[in-house]
Amino acid sequence: MNFLKIIILVVSFGVTTLIAQDKSFKEITNIEQVKTKIAEYSSKTNSIKSDFVQEKHLEILETPLISKGKFYYKKQNNIRWEYTEPLKYIIVIHNGKFTIKDETKVSEYDIESNKMFKEINNMIITSMKGEIINNKDFNASFYENNTYYLAKLKPNKKEIADFISTIKIFFDKKDFSVSKVIMVESEQDYTQIIFKNKSINIILNESIFNIK
């Protein structure tokens, strides 16, 4: 299920910091205007290359587990999550397949033949198109501060809600790109992914999405 949580990220501080951060946000009244701007940005985004830092916070650990890597996206529905630190681990979605490379082992799964993979794939597609905020599988609420628009998504489906209670997506007000995703499992346990050094609409070679 760690794989499911990674992918739900279509997303990156102690708990006291997280709560304080939320208090700086105010609820948005003109939701449709924000949705339109996010959708417009997504429709113009053909590719993304970004560094990311992932922090896994667990109640049983004094310090978070930190991973680093690179994220690639290319229309339509080509995605590569490449973890480079502390372990090498790659997840690729390409041509209707999920491919996972763990060190030297490569495993491939057909999306259409697996219900969970189909659900994950749908989440990713709607995320990259900016449509996840309208996805009926989630109850969405919207907030803002001086820097971000914040979409809080609560899953309606039990198979997702059993592992994730809330997904928080932070959109940068400067360009409406996703700057941070927080997946909350419980009050003490959550995963945060921060995207850095983003390059938008650059040329990405198709070979990036082939790891065989």
N, C-alpha and C. Protein backbone atom coordinates (compact mmCIF):
# COMPACT_ATOMS: atom_id res chain seq x y z
N MET A 1 0.82 -1.21 0.00
CA MET A 1 0.00 0.00 0.00
C MET A 1 0.86 1.27 0.00
N ASN A 2 2.18 1.16 0.29
CA ASN A 2 3.04 2.32 0.13
C ASN A 2 3.00 2.81 -1.31
N PHE A 3 2.88 1.87 -2.25
CA PHE A 3 2.79 2.24 -3.67
C PHE A 3 1.55 3.08 -3.91
N LEU A 4 0.42 2.69 -3.34
CA LEU A 4 -0.81 3.46 -3.49
C LEU A 4 -0.64 4.86 -2.94
N LYS A 5 0.00 4.98 -1.78
CA LYS A 5 0.17 6.30 -1.17
C LYS A 5 1.10 7.18 -2.01
N ILE A 6 2.13 6.58 -2.59
CA ILE A 6 3.04 7.35 -3.45
C ILE A 6 2.28 7.90 -4.64
N ILE A 7 1.50 7.06 -5.30
CA ILE A 7 0.81 7.47 -6.51
C ILE A 7 -0.27 8.50 -6.21
N ILE A 8 -0.99 8.33 -5.12
CA ILE A 8 -2.03 9.29 -4.77
C ILE A 8 -1.41 10.69 -4.71
N LEU A 9 -0.26 10.69 -4.60
CA LEU A 9 0.32 11.97 -4.78
C LEU A 9 0.13 12.67 -6.06
N VAL A 10 -1.35 12.26 -7.78
CA VAL A 10 -1.49 12.83 -8.80
C VAL A 10 -1.47 13.70 -8.71
N VAL A 11 1.56 14.05 -4.84
CA VAL A 11 0.81 15.00 -5.15
C VAL A 11 1.88 15.26 -4.53
N SER A 12 4.64 18.42 -1.02
CA SER A 12 4.94 17.62 -0.63
C SER A 12 5.48 18.40 0.43
N PHE A 13 6.23 18.85 8.08
CA PHE A 13 6.64 19.69 9.08
C PHE A 13 6.08 18.97 10.27
N GLY A 14 6.46 18.92 11.77
CA GLY A 14 5.63 18.32 12.73
C GLY A 14 4.18 18.74 12.58
N VAL A 15 3.35 18.06 13.34
CA VAL A 15 1.92 18.29 13.28
C VAL A 15 1.57 19.70 13.73
N THR A 16 2.26 20.24 14.72
CA THR A 16 1.95 21.60 15.18
C THR A 16 2.20 22.61 14.07
N THR A 17 3.23 22.42 13.30
CA THR A 17 3.51 23.30 12.18
C THR A 17 2.42 23.20 11.14
N LEU A 18 1.97 21.99 10.86
CA LEU A 18 0.92 21.76 9.88
C LEU A 18 -0.37 22.47 10.29
N ILE A 19 -0.71 22.40 11.55
CA ILE A 19 -1.93 23.06 12.04
C ILE A 19 -1.79 24.57 11.94
N ALA A 20 -0.63 25.09 12.35
CA ALA A 20 -0.42 26.54 12.29
C ALA A 20 -0.49 27.03 10.86
N GLN A 21 0.04 26.23 9.94
CA GLN A 21 0.02 26.60 8.54
C GLN A 21 -1.41 26.71 8.04
N ASP A 22 -2.25 25.75 8.39
CA ASP A 22 -3.65 25.78 7.97
C ASP A 22 -4.38 27.00 8.50
N LYS A 23 -4.01 27.49 9.69
CA LYS A 23 -4.70 28.64 10.29
C LYS A 23 -4.47 29.92 9.50
N SER A 24 -3.45 29.94 8.65
CA SER A 24 -3.20 31.14 7.85
C SER A 24 -4.12 31.20 6.63
N PHE A 25 -4.87 30.14 6.38
CA PHE A 25 -5.74 30.08 5.21
C PHE A 25 -7.17 30.49 5.56
N LYS A 26 -7.79 31.19 4.62
CA LYS A 26 -9.19 31.57 4.74
C LYS A 26 -9.99 30.90 3.63
N GLU A 27 -11.22 30.56 3.95
CA GLU A 27 -12.06 29.87 2.96
C GLU A 27 -12.35 30.78 1.77
N ILE A 28 -12.32 30.20 0.58
CA ILE A 28 -12.55 30.95 -0.66
C ILE A 28 -14.05 31.02 -0.93
N THR A 29 -14.53 32.19 -1.29
CA THR A 29 -15.95 32.34 -1.60
C THR A 29 -16.22 32.10 -3.09
N ASN A 30 -15.33 32.61 -3.96
CA ASN A 30 -15.51 32.45 -5.40
C ASN A 30 -14.75 31.21 -5.88
N ILE A 31 -15.28 30.04 -5.56
CA ILE A 31 -14.60 28.79 -5.86
C ILE A 31 -14.49 28.55 -7.36
N GLU A 32 -15.54 28.84 -8.11
CA GLU A 32 -15.54 28.54 -9.54
C GLU A 32 -14.46 29.30 -10.28
N GLN A 33 -14.16 30.50 -9.86
CA GLN A 33 -13.11 31.29 -10.50
C GLN A 33 -11.75 30.61 -10.33
N VAL A 34 -11.49 30.11 -9.13
CA VAL A 34 -10.23 29.43 -8.87
C VAL A 34 -10.15 28.13 -9.67
N LYS A 35 -11.23 27.38 -9.70
CA LYS A 35 -11.26 26.13 -10.46
C LYS A 35 -10.96 26.40 -11.93
N THR A 36 -11.53 27.47 -12.47
CA THR A 36 -11.32 27.81 -13.87
C THR A 36 -9.85 28.13 -14.14
N LYS A 37 -9.21 28.87 -13.26
CA LYS A 37 -7.81 29.24 -13.43
C LYS A 37 -6.91 28.01 -13.36
N ILE A 38 -7.21 27.10 -12.44
CA ILE A 38 -6.42 25.88 -12.32
C ILE A 38 -6.57 25.02 -13.58
N ALA A 39 -7.79 24.92 -14.08
CA ALA A 39 -8.05 24.14 -15.29
C ALA A 39 -7.35 24.76 -16.50
N GLU A 40 -7.33 26.09 -16.56
CA GLU A 40 -6.66 26.77 -17.68
C GLU A 40 -5.16 26.49 -17.65
N TYR A 41 -4.56 26.55 -16.46
CA TYR A 41 -3.14 26.25 -16.34
C TYR A 41 -2.85 24.82 -16.78
N SER A 42 -3.67 23.89 -16.30
CA SER A 42 -3.44 22.48 -16.61
C SER A 42 -3.57 22.20 -18.10
N SER A 43 -4.53 22.86 -18.77
CA SER A 43 -4.74 22.63 -20.20
C SER A 43 -3.55 23.11 -21.03
N LYS A 44 -2.79 24.07 -20.49
CA LYS A 44 -1.63 24.61 -21.22
C LYS A 44 -0.33 23.90 -20.83
N THR A 45 -0.42 22.96 -19.90
CA THR A 45 0.78 22.27 -19.44
C THR A 45 0.96 20.97 -20.21
N ASN A 46 1.99 20.92 -21.03
CA ASN A 46 2.28 19.72 -21.83
C ASN A 46 3.33 18.83 -21.19
N SER A 47 4.20 19.42 -20.38
CA SER A 47 5.23 18.63 -19.72
C SER A 47 5.69 19.33 -18.44
N ILE A 48 6.18 18.52 -17.50
CA ILE A 48 6.72 19.04 -16.24
C ILE A 48 7.96 18.22 -15.87
N LYS A 49 8.98 18.92 -15.44
CA LYS A 49 10.15 18.28 -14.83
C LYS A 49 10.40 18.99 -13.52
N SER A 50 10.55 18.23 -12.44
CA SER A 50 10.67 18.86 -11.13
C SER A 50 11.46 17.97 -10.18
N ASP A 51 12.23 18.60 -9.29
CA ASP A 51 12.80 17.89 -8.15
C ASP A 51 11.72 17.80 -7.08
N PHE A 52 11.81 16.80 -6.22
CA PHE A 52 10.87 16.74 -5.09
C PHE A 52 11.57 16.22 -3.84
N VAL A 53 11.03 16.65 -2.71
CA VAL A 53 11.47 16.16 -1.40
C VAL A 53 10.24 15.60 -0.70
N GLN A 54 10.32 14.36 -0.27
CA GLN A 54 9.20 13.71 0.41
C GLN A 54 9.54 13.49 1.88
N GLU A 55 8.64 13.91 2.75
CA GLU A 55 8.80 13.70 4.19
C GLU A 55 7.68 12.80 4.69
N LYS A 56 8.06 11.69 5.29
CA LYS A 56 7.09 10.77 5.87
C LYS A 56 7.14 10.91 7.39
N HIS A 57 6.03 11.44 7.97
CA HIS A 57 5.95 11.67 9.41
C HIS A 57 5.12 10.57 10.05
N LEU A 58 5.71 9.89 11.04
CA LEU A 58 5.02 8.83 11.76
C LEU A 58 5.10 9.09 13.26
N GLU A 59 4.03 8.79 13.96
CA GLU A 59 3.97 9.04 15.40
C GLU A 59 5.08 8.28 16.13
N ILE A 60 5.45 7.13 15.62
CA ILE A 60 6.43 6.29 16.32
C ILE A 60 7.87 6.74 16.09
N LEU A 61 8.07 7.72 15.18
CA LEU A 61 9.42 8.19 14.88
C LEU A 61 9.61 9.63 15.34
N GLU A 62 10.78 9.94 15.90
CA GLU A 62 11.06 11.30 16.36
C GLU A 62 11.34 12.24 15.20
N THR A 63 11.93 11.72 14.14
CA THR A 63 12.24 12.54 12.97
C THR A 63 11.61 11.91 11.72
N PRO A 64 11.26 12.71 10.73
CA PRO A 64 10.62 12.17 9.52
C PRO A 64 11.59 11.39 8.65
N LEU A 65 11.03 10.49 7.86
CA LEU A 65 11.80 9.77 6.84
C LEU A 65 11.82 10.65 5.59
N ILE A 66 13.00 10.99 5.13
CA ILE A 66 13.12 11.92 4.01
C ILE A 66 13.65 11.20 2.77
N SER A 67 12.95 11.39 1.66
CA SER A 67 13.38 10.85 0.37
C SER A 67 13.44 12.00 -0.63
N LYS A 68 14.30 11.85 -1.63
CA LYS A 68 14.42 12.87 -2.67
C LYS A 68 14.42 12.21 -4.04
N GLY A 69 14.06 13.01 -5.05
CA GLY A 69 14.06 12.46 -6.39
C GLY A 69 13.61 13.45 -7.43
N LYS A 70 13.23 12.91 -8.58
CA LYS A 70 12.79 13.73 -9.70
C LYS A 70 11.44 13.23 -10.21
N PHE A 71 10.62 14.19 -10.65
CA PHE A 71 9.29 13.90 -11.18
C PHE A 71 9.21 14.39 -12.62
N TYR A 72 8.64 13.55 -13.49
CA TYR A 72 8.46 13.91 -14.91
C TYR A 72 7.02 13.64 -15.32
N TYR A 73 6.46 14.53 -16.11
CA TYR A 73 5.11 14.34 -16.66
C TYR A 73 5.10 14.82 -18.10
N LYS A 74 4.42 14.04 -18.95
CA LYS A 74 4.25 14.43 -20.35
C LYS A 74 2.87 13.98 -20.80
N LYS A 75 2.14 14.90 -21.44
CA LYS A 75 0.83 14.52 -21.99
C LYS A 75 1.02 13.43 -23.04
N GLN A 76 0.07 12.51 -23.12
CA GLN A 76 -1.06 12.28 -22.25
C GLN A 76 -0.72 11.15 -21.27
N ASN A 77 -0.80 11.42 -20.01
CA ASN A 77 -0.70 10.39 -18.99
C ASN A 77 0.60 9.61 -19.01
N ASN A 78 1.73 10.30 -19.17
CA ASN A 78 3.05 9.70 -19.01
C ASN A 78 3.70 10.29 -17.77
N ILE A 79 4.02 9.43 -16.81
CA ILE A 79 4.53 9.91 -15.53
C ILE A 79 5.69 9.06 -15.07
N ARG A 80 6.70 9.72 -14.49
CA ARG A 80 7.83 9.01 -13.91
C ARG A 80 8.16 9.63 -12.55
N TRP A 81 8.06 8.82 -11.49
CA TRP A 81 8.54 9.19 -10.17
C TRP A 81 9.87 8.46 -9.98
N GLU A 82 10.94 9.21 -9.83
CA GLU A 82 12.27 8.60 -9.67
C GLU A 82 12.85 8.99 -8.32
N TYR A 83 12.86 8.04 -7.39
CA TYR A 83 13.46 8.27 -6.09
C TYR A 83 14.96 8.00 -6.20
N THR A 84 15.76 8.98 -5.77
CA THR A 84 17.21 8.85 -5.87
C THR A 84 17.90 8.75 -4.52
N GLU A 85 17.26 9.22 -3.46
CA GLU A 85 17.82 9.17 -2.10
C GLU A 85 16.71 8.82 -1.11
N PRO A 86 16.97 8.03 -0.10
CA PRO A 86 18.19 7.27 0.16
C PRO A 86 18.30 5.99 -0.68
N LEU A 87 17.16 5.55 -1.25
CA LEU A 87 17.15 4.35 -2.09
C LEU A 87 16.72 4.71 -3.50
N LYS A 88 17.14 3.93 -4.46
CA LYS A 88 16.74 4.14 -5.85
C LYS A 88 15.48 3.33 -6.14
N TYR A 89 14.44 4.02 -6.60
CA TYR A 89 13.14 3.40 -6.81
C TYR A 89 12.41 4.21 -7.87
N ILE A 90 11.88 3.54 -8.89
CA ILE A 90 11.23 4.25 -9.99
C ILE A 90 9.83 3.69 -10.24
N ILE A 91 8.87 4.59 -10.44
CA ILE A 91 7.52 4.21 -10.86
C ILE A 91 7.21 4.95 -12.15
N VAL A 92 6.80 4.22 -13.18
CA VAL A 92 6.49 4.82 -14.47
C VAL A 92 5.10 4.40 -14.91
N ILE A 93 4.33 5.35 -15.42
CA ILE A 93 3.06 5.07 -16.08
C ILE A 93 3.21 5.48 -17.54
N HIS A 94 3.02 4.49 -18.44
CA HIS A 94 3.28 4.76 -19.86
C HIS A 94 2.60 3.67 -20.70
N ASN A 95 1.89 4.11 -21.74
CA ASN A 95 1.24 3.17 -22.67
C ASN A 95 0.34 2.15 -21.96
N GLY A 96 -0.43 2.63 -20.97
CA GLY A 96 -1.38 1.75 -20.29
C GLY A 96 -0.75 0.76 -19.34
N LYS A 97 0.51 0.99 -18.94
CA LYS A 97 1.22 0.08 -18.05
C LYS A 97 1.78 0.83 -16.84
N PHE A 98 1.76 0.14 -15.69
CA PHE A 98 2.53 0.59 -14.53
C PHE A 98 3.81 -0.24 -14.52
N THR A 99 4.96 0.44 -14.48
CA THR A 99 6.23 -0.27 -14.38
C THR A 99 6.95 0.22 -13.14
N ILE A 100 7.43 -0.71 -12.33
CA ILE A 100 8.12 -0.40 -11.09
C ILE A 100 9.52 -1.01 -11.13
N LYS A 101 10.51 -0.18 -10.86
CA LYS A 101 11.89 -0.66 -10.79
C LYS A 101 12.42 -0.44 -9.39
N ASP A 102 12.70 -1.52 -8.69
CA ASP A 102 13.21 -1.49 -7.33
C ASP A 102 14.64 -2.03 -7.38
N GLU A 103 15.62 -1.10 -7.31
CA GLU A 103 17.02 -1.45 -7.53
C GLU A 103 17.16 -2.07 -8.94
N THR A 104 17.36 -3.39 -9.04
CA THR A 104 17.53 -4.00 -10.36
C THR A 104 16.29 -4.75 -10.83
N LYS A 105 15.32 -4.96 -9.96
CA LYS A 105 14.12 -5.72 -10.31
C LYS A 105 13.10 -4.82 -10.98
N VAL A 106 12.59 -5.26 -12.13
CA VAL A 106 11.57 -4.51 -12.87
C VAL A 106 10.28 -5.33 -12.92
N SER A 107 9.16 -4.71 -12.49
CA SER A 107 7.85 -5.37 -12.52
C SER A 107 6.89 -4.52 -13.35
N GLU A 108 6.08 -5.16 -14.19
CA GLU A 108 5.15 -4.44 -15.05
C GLU A 108 3.73 -4.94 -14.82
N TYR A 109 2.76 -3.99 -14.78
CA TYR A 109 1.37 -4.33 -14.53
C TYR A 109 0.49 -3.64 -15.56
N ASP A 110 -0.51 -4.35 -16.02
CA ASP A 110 -1.46 -3.77 -16.97
C ASP A 110 -2.53 -3.01 -16.20
N ILE A 111 -2.73 -1.75 -16.53
CA ILE A 111 -3.67 -0.90 -15.80
C ILE A 111 -5.10 -1.42 -15.89
N GLU A 112 -5.53 -1.82 -17.09
CA GLU A 112 -6.91 -2.23 -17.30
C GLU A 112 -7.27 -3.53 -16.58
N SER A 113 -6.28 -4.35 -16.27
CA SER A 113 -6.56 -5.65 -15.66
C SER A 113 -6.61 -5.59 -14.14
N ASN A 114 -6.35 -4.44 -13.56
CA ASN A 114 -6.30 -4.32 -12.11
C ASN A 114 -7.16 -3.14 -11.66
N LYS A 115 -8.17 -3.42 -10.83
CA LYS A 115 -9.11 -2.39 -10.40
C LYS A 115 -8.42 -1.26 -9.64
N MET A 116 -7.48 -1.63 -8.75
CA MET A 116 -6.79 -0.60 -7.97
C MET A 116 -5.96 0.30 -8.88
N PHE A 117 -5.26 -0.31 -9.84
CA PHE A 117 -4.45 0.48 -10.76
C PHE A 117 -5.32 1.40 -11.61
N LYS A 118 -6.50 0.94 -11.99
CA LYS A 118 -7.42 1.78 -12.76
C LYS A 118 -7.85 2.98 -11.94
N GLU A 119 -8.13 2.76 -10.64
CA GLU A 119 -8.52 3.87 -9.77
C GLU A 119 -7.37 4.87 -9.65
N ILE A 120 -6.16 4.36 -9.44
CA ILE A 120 -5.00 5.22 -9.30
C ILE A 120 -4.76 6.00 -10.59
N ASN A 121 -4.86 5.30 -11.71
CA ASN A 121 -4.64 5.95 -13.00
C ASN A 121 -5.64 7.07 -13.23
N ASN A 122 -6.91 6.83 -12.87
CA ASN A 122 -7.94 7.85 -13.03
C ASN A 122 -7.63 9.08 -12.16
N MET A 123 -7.15 8.84 -10.94
CA MET A 123 -6.79 9.94 -10.06
C MET A 123 -5.66 10.76 -10.65
N ILE A 124 -4.67 10.07 -11.23
CA ILE A 124 -3.53 10.77 -11.81
C ILE A 124 -3.97 11.61 -13.00
N ILE A 125 -4.78 11.02 -13.87
CA ILE A 125 -5.24 11.74 -15.07
C ILE A 125 -6.00 13.00 -14.66
N THR A 126 -6.93 12.87 -13.72
CA THR A 126 -7.72 14.02 -13.31
C THR A 126 -6.86 15.06 -12.58
N SER A 127 -5.82 14.58 -11.88
CA SER A 127 -4.91 15.51 -11.20
C SER A 127 -4.14 16.34 -12.21
N MET A 128 -3.56 15.68 -13.21
CA MET A 128 -2.73 16.38 -14.17
C MET A 128 -3.56 17.30 -15.06
N LYS A 129 -4.84 17.00 -15.23
CA LYS A 129 -5.71 17.87 -16.02
C LYS A 129 -6.35 18.96 -15.16
N GLY A 130 -6.05 18.95 -13.87
CA GLY A 130 -6.66 19.94 -12.97
C GLY A 130 -8.11 19.62 -12.65
N GLU A 131 -8.53 18.37 -12.92
CA GLU A 131 -9.93 18.00 -12.74
C GLU A 131 -10.20 17.27 -11.44
N ILE A 132 -9.13 16.96 -10.68
CA ILE A 132 -9.35 16.20 -9.45
C ILE A 132 -10.19 16.99 -8.46
N ILE A 133 -10.15 18.33 -8.53
CA ILE A 133 -10.94 19.14 -7.62
C ILE A 133 -12.43 19.04 -7.94
N ASN A 134 -12.77 18.47 -9.11
CA ASN A 134 -14.17 18.23 -9.47
C ASN A 134 -14.51 16.74 -9.44
N ASN A 135 -13.56 15.92 -9.02
CA ASN A 135 -13.74 14.47 -9.01
C ASN A 135 -14.78 14.09 -7.96
N LYS A 136 -15.81 13.36 -8.37
CA LYS A 136 -16.90 12.98 -7.47
C LYS A 136 -16.48 11.98 -6.41
N ASP A 137 -15.28 11.42 -6.56
CA ASP A 137 -14.78 10.49 -5.55
C ASP A 137 -14.25 11.22 -4.32
N PHE A 138 -14.24 12.57 -4.38
CA PHE A 138 -13.74 13.38 -3.26
C PHE A 138 -14.70 14.52 -2.94
N ASN A 139 -14.79 14.85 -1.65
CA ASN A 139 -15.45 16.08 -1.22
C ASN A 139 -14.38 17.15 -1.11
N ALA A 140 -14.53 18.25 -1.84
CA ALA A 140 -13.49 19.27 -1.90
C ALA A 140 -13.92 20.56 -1.21
N SER A 141 -12.97 21.19 -0.52
CA SER A 141 -13.17 22.53 0.03
C SER A 141 -11.92 23.34 -0.32
N PHE A 142 -12.06 24.68 -0.41
CA PHE A 142 -10.99 25.51 -0.95
C PHE A 142 -10.67 26.69 -0.04
N TYR A 143 -9.37 26.98 0.07
CA TYR A 143 -8.89 28.03 0.96
C TYR A 143 -7.75 28.78 0.28
N GLU A 144 -7.35 29.91 0.86
CA GLU A 144 -6.22 30.65 0.30
C GLU A 144 -5.52 31.45 1.38
N ASN A 145 -4.21 31.70 1.15
CA ASN A 145 -3.48 32.70 1.91
C ASN A 145 -2.73 33.56 0.90
N ASN A 146 -1.70 34.27 1.31
CA ASN A 146 -1.02 35.18 0.38
C ASN A 146 -0.23 34.44 -0.70
N THR A 147 0.11 33.20 -0.45
CA THR A 147 0.99 32.46 -1.36
C THR A 147 0.29 31.36 -2.14
N TYR A 148 -0.65 30.67 -1.50
CA TYR A 148 -1.24 29.47 -2.10
C TYR A 148 -2.77 29.50 -2.15
N TYR A 149 -3.29 28.74 -3.12
CA TYR A 149 -4.66 28.23 -3.05
C TYR A 149 -4.54 26.81 -2.51
N LEU A 150 -5.41 26.44 -1.60
CA LEU A 150 -5.36 25.13 -0.97
C LEU A 150 -6.67 24.38 -1.24
N ALA A 151 -6.55 23.20 -1.84
CA ALA A 151 -7.71 22.32 -2.04
C ALA A 151 -7.59 21.16 -1.06
N LYS A 152 -8.59 21.01 -0.20
CA LYS A 152 -8.64 19.88 0.73
C LYS A 152 -9.63 18.85 0.19
N LEU A 153 -9.15 17.65 -0.06
CA LEU A 153 -9.96 16.60 -0.66
C LEU A 153 -10.13 15.46 0.32
N LYS A 154 -11.38 15.13 0.62
CA LYS A 154 -11.67 13.99 1.49
C LYS A 154 -12.27 12.87 0.64
N PRO A 155 -11.64 11.71 0.60
CA PRO A 155 -12.12 10.63 -0.27
C PRO A 155 -13.45 10.06 0.17
N ASN A 156 -14.30 9.77 -0.82
CA ASN A 156 -15.58 9.13 -0.56
C ASN A 156 -15.49 7.61 -0.62
N LYS A 157 -14.54 7.11 -1.40
CA LYS A 157 -14.42 5.66 -1.57
C LYS A 157 -13.67 5.05 -0.39
N LYS A 158 -14.23 3.95 0.13
CA LYS A 158 -13.67 3.31 1.31
C LYS A 158 -12.25 2.81 1.07
N GLU A 159 -11.97 2.29 -0.15
CA GLU A 159 -10.65 1.73 -0.42
C GLU A 159 -9.56 2.80 -0.37
N ILE A 160 -9.94 4.05 -0.55
CA ILE A 160 -8.98 5.15 -0.41
C ILE A 160 -9.02 5.71 1.01
N ALA A 161 -10.22 5.91 1.54
CA ALA A 161 -10.39 6.49 2.87
C ALA A 161 -9.77 5.62 3.97
N ASP A 162 -9.63 4.31 3.72
CA ASP A 162 -9.01 3.42 4.70
C ASP A 162 -7.54 3.76 4.93
N PHE A 163 -6.92 4.43 3.97
CA PHE A 163 -5.49 4.73 4.08
C PHE A 163 -5.18 6.22 4.12
N ILE A 164 -6.06 7.04 3.51
CA ILE A 164 -5.83 8.48 3.45
C ILE A 164 -7.10 9.18 3.91
N SER A 165 -6.99 10.02 4.96
CA SER A 165 -8.19 10.72 5.43
C SER A 165 -8.40 12.03 4.67
N THR A 166 -7.30 12.71 4.29
CA THR A 166 -7.39 13.98 3.58
C THR A 166 -6.18 14.14 2.67
N ILE A 167 -6.41 14.69 1.49
CA ILE A 167 -5.32 15.09 0.60
C ILE A 167 -5.36 16.60 0.48
N LYS A 168 -4.24 17.26 0.73
CA LYS A 168 -4.16 18.71 0.62
C LYS A 168 -3.24 19.07 -0.54
N ILE A 169 -3.77 19.84 -1.49
CA ILE A 169 -2.99 20.24 -2.66
C ILE A 169 -2.80 21.75 -2.62
N PHE A 170 -1.56 22.19 -2.65
CA PHE A 170 -1.22 23.61 -2.58
C PHE A 170 -0.83 24.10 -3.97
N PHE A 171 -1.63 25.03 -4.52
CA PHE A 171 -1.38 25.61 -5.83
C PHE A 171 -0.71 26.97 -5.66
N ASP A 172 0.42 27.16 -6.31
CA ASP A 172 1.13 28.44 -6.25
C ASP A 172 0.30 29.53 -6.93
N LYS A 173 0.06 30.62 -6.24
CA LYS A 173 -0.76 31.69 -6.81
C LYS A 173 -0.10 32.37 -8.01
N LYS A 174 1.22 32.25 -8.12
CA LYS A 174 1.92 32.91 -9.22
C LYS A 174 1.63 32.26 -10.56
N ASP A 175 1.50 30.94 -10.59
CA ASP A 175 1.31 30.26 -11.87
C ASP A 175 0.33 29.08 -11.82
N PHE A 176 -0.29 28.86 -10.64
CA PHE A 176 -1.30 27.81 -10.45
C PHE A 176 -0.73 26.39 -10.57
N SER A 177 0.58 26.25 -10.53
CA SER A 177 1.18 24.92 -10.52
C SER A 177 1.13 24.35 -9.11
N VAL A 178 1.22 23.02 -8.99
CA VAL A 178 1.21 22.37 -7.68
C VAL A 178 2.59 22.50 -7.05
N SER A 179 2.65 23.10 -5.87
CA SER A 179 3.91 23.29 -5.16
C SER A 179 4.10 22.28 -4.04
N LYS A 180 2.98 21.79 -3.50
CA LYS A 180 3.09 20.89 -2.36
C LYS A 180 1.84 20.03 -2.26
N VAL A 181 2.05 18.79 -1.81
CA VAL A 181 0.93 17.88 -1.55
C VAL A 181 1.14 17.26 -0.17
N ILE A 182 0.09 17.22 0.63
CA ILE A 182 0.13 16.57 1.93
C ILE A 182 -0.96 15.52 1.98
N MET A 183 -0.57 14.30 2.30
CA MET A 183 -1.53 13.20 2.44
C MET A 183 -1.63 12.83 3.92
N VAL A 184 -2.77 13.11 4.52
CA VAL A 184 -2.96 12.90 5.95
C VAL A 184 -3.62 11.54 6.18
N GLU A 185 -2.94 10.72 6.98
CA GLU A 185 -3.49 9.42 7.33
C GLU A 185 -4.20 9.47 8.69
N SER A 186 -3.58 10.20 9.63
CA SER A 186 -4.16 10.40 10.97
C SER A 186 -3.59 11.70 11.51
N GLU A 187 -3.92 12.05 12.75
CA GLU A 187 -3.43 13.31 13.32
C GLU A 187 -1.91 13.35 13.37
N GLN A 188 -1.28 12.21 13.61
CA GLN A 188 0.17 12.17 13.75
C GLN A 188 0.91 11.67 12.51
N ASP A 189 0.22 10.98 11.64
CA ASP A 189 0.88 10.35 10.50
C ASP A 189 0.46 11.02 9.20
N TYR A 190 1.45 11.50 8.45
CA TYR A 190 1.15 12.12 7.16
C TYR A 190 2.41 12.14 6.30
N THR A 191 2.20 12.30 5.00
CA THR A 191 3.30 12.39 4.05
C THR A 191 3.22 13.74 3.34
N GLN A 192 4.35 14.41 3.24
CA GLN A 192 4.41 15.70 2.57
C GLN A 192 5.40 15.64 1.42
N ILE A 193 4.98 16.15 0.26
CA ILE A 193 5.87 16.22 -0.90
C ILE A 193 5.94 17.67 -1.37
N ILE A 194 7.16 18.18 -1.46
CA ILE A 194 7.39 19.53 -1.94
C ILE A 194 8.09 19.46 -3.29
N PHE A 195 7.53 20.17 -4.27
CA PHE A 195 8.11 20.21 -5.61
C PHE A 195 8.98 21.45 -5.77
N LYS A 196 10.20 21.25 -6.27
CA LYS A 196 11.15 22.35 -6.41
C LYS A 196 11.74 22.37 -7.81
N ASN A 197 12.26 23.54 -8.19
CA ASN A 197 12.96 23.68 -9.48
C ASN A 197 12.13 23.15 -10.64
N LYS A 198 10.88 23.60 -10.70
CA LYS A 198 9.97 23.13 -11.75
C LYS A 198 10.29 23.75 -13.10
N SER A 199 10.29 22.89 -14.13
CA SER A 199 10.41 23.35 -15.52
C SER A 199 9.15 22.91 -16.24
N ILE A 200 8.45 23.86 -16.86
CA ILE A 200 7.16 23.60 -17.50
C ILE A 200 7.31 23.68 -19.02
N ASN A 201 6.66 22.73 -19.71
CA ASN A 201 6.61 22.71 -21.17
C ASN A 201 7.99 22.65 -21.83
N ILE A 202 8.86 21.84 -21.24
CA ILE A 202 10.14 21.57 -21.88
C ILE A 202 10.03 20.27 -22.67
N ILE A 203 10.98 20.02 -23.56
CA ILE A 203 10.98 18.78 -24.35
C ILE A 203 11.48 17.62 -23.49
N LEU A 204 10.66 16.57 -23.38
CA LEU A 204 11.03 15.37 -22.65
C LEU A 204 11.11 14.20 -23.63
N ASN A 205 12.25 13.54 -23.66
CA ASN A 205 12.44 12.40 -24.53
C ASN A 205 11.56 11.23 -24.08
N GLU A 206 10.97 10.54 -25.02
CA GLU A 206 10.08 9.41 -24.73
C GLU A 206 10.81 8.31 -23.93
N SER A 207 12.12 8.23 -24.08
CA SER A 207 12.89 7.19 -23.41
C SER A 207 12.86 7.32 -21.88
N ILE A 208 12.53 8.53 -21.39
CA ILE A 208 12.43 8.73 -19.95
C ILE A 208 11.39 7.80 -19.34
N PHE A 209 10.36 7.48 -20.12
CA PHE A 209 9.25 6.67 -19.61
C PHE A 209 9.39 5.18 -19.95
N ASN A 210 10.57 4.79 -20.38
CA ASN A 210 10.87 3.38 -20.67
C ASN A 210 12.05 2.96 -19.80
N ILE A 211 11.79 2.10 -18.82
CA ILE A 211 12.84 1.73 -17.88
C ILE A 211 13.23 0.26 -17.99
N LYS A 212 12.85 -0.40 -19.05
CA LYS A 212 13.21 -1.81 -19.19
C LYS A 212 14.69 -1.96 -19.52
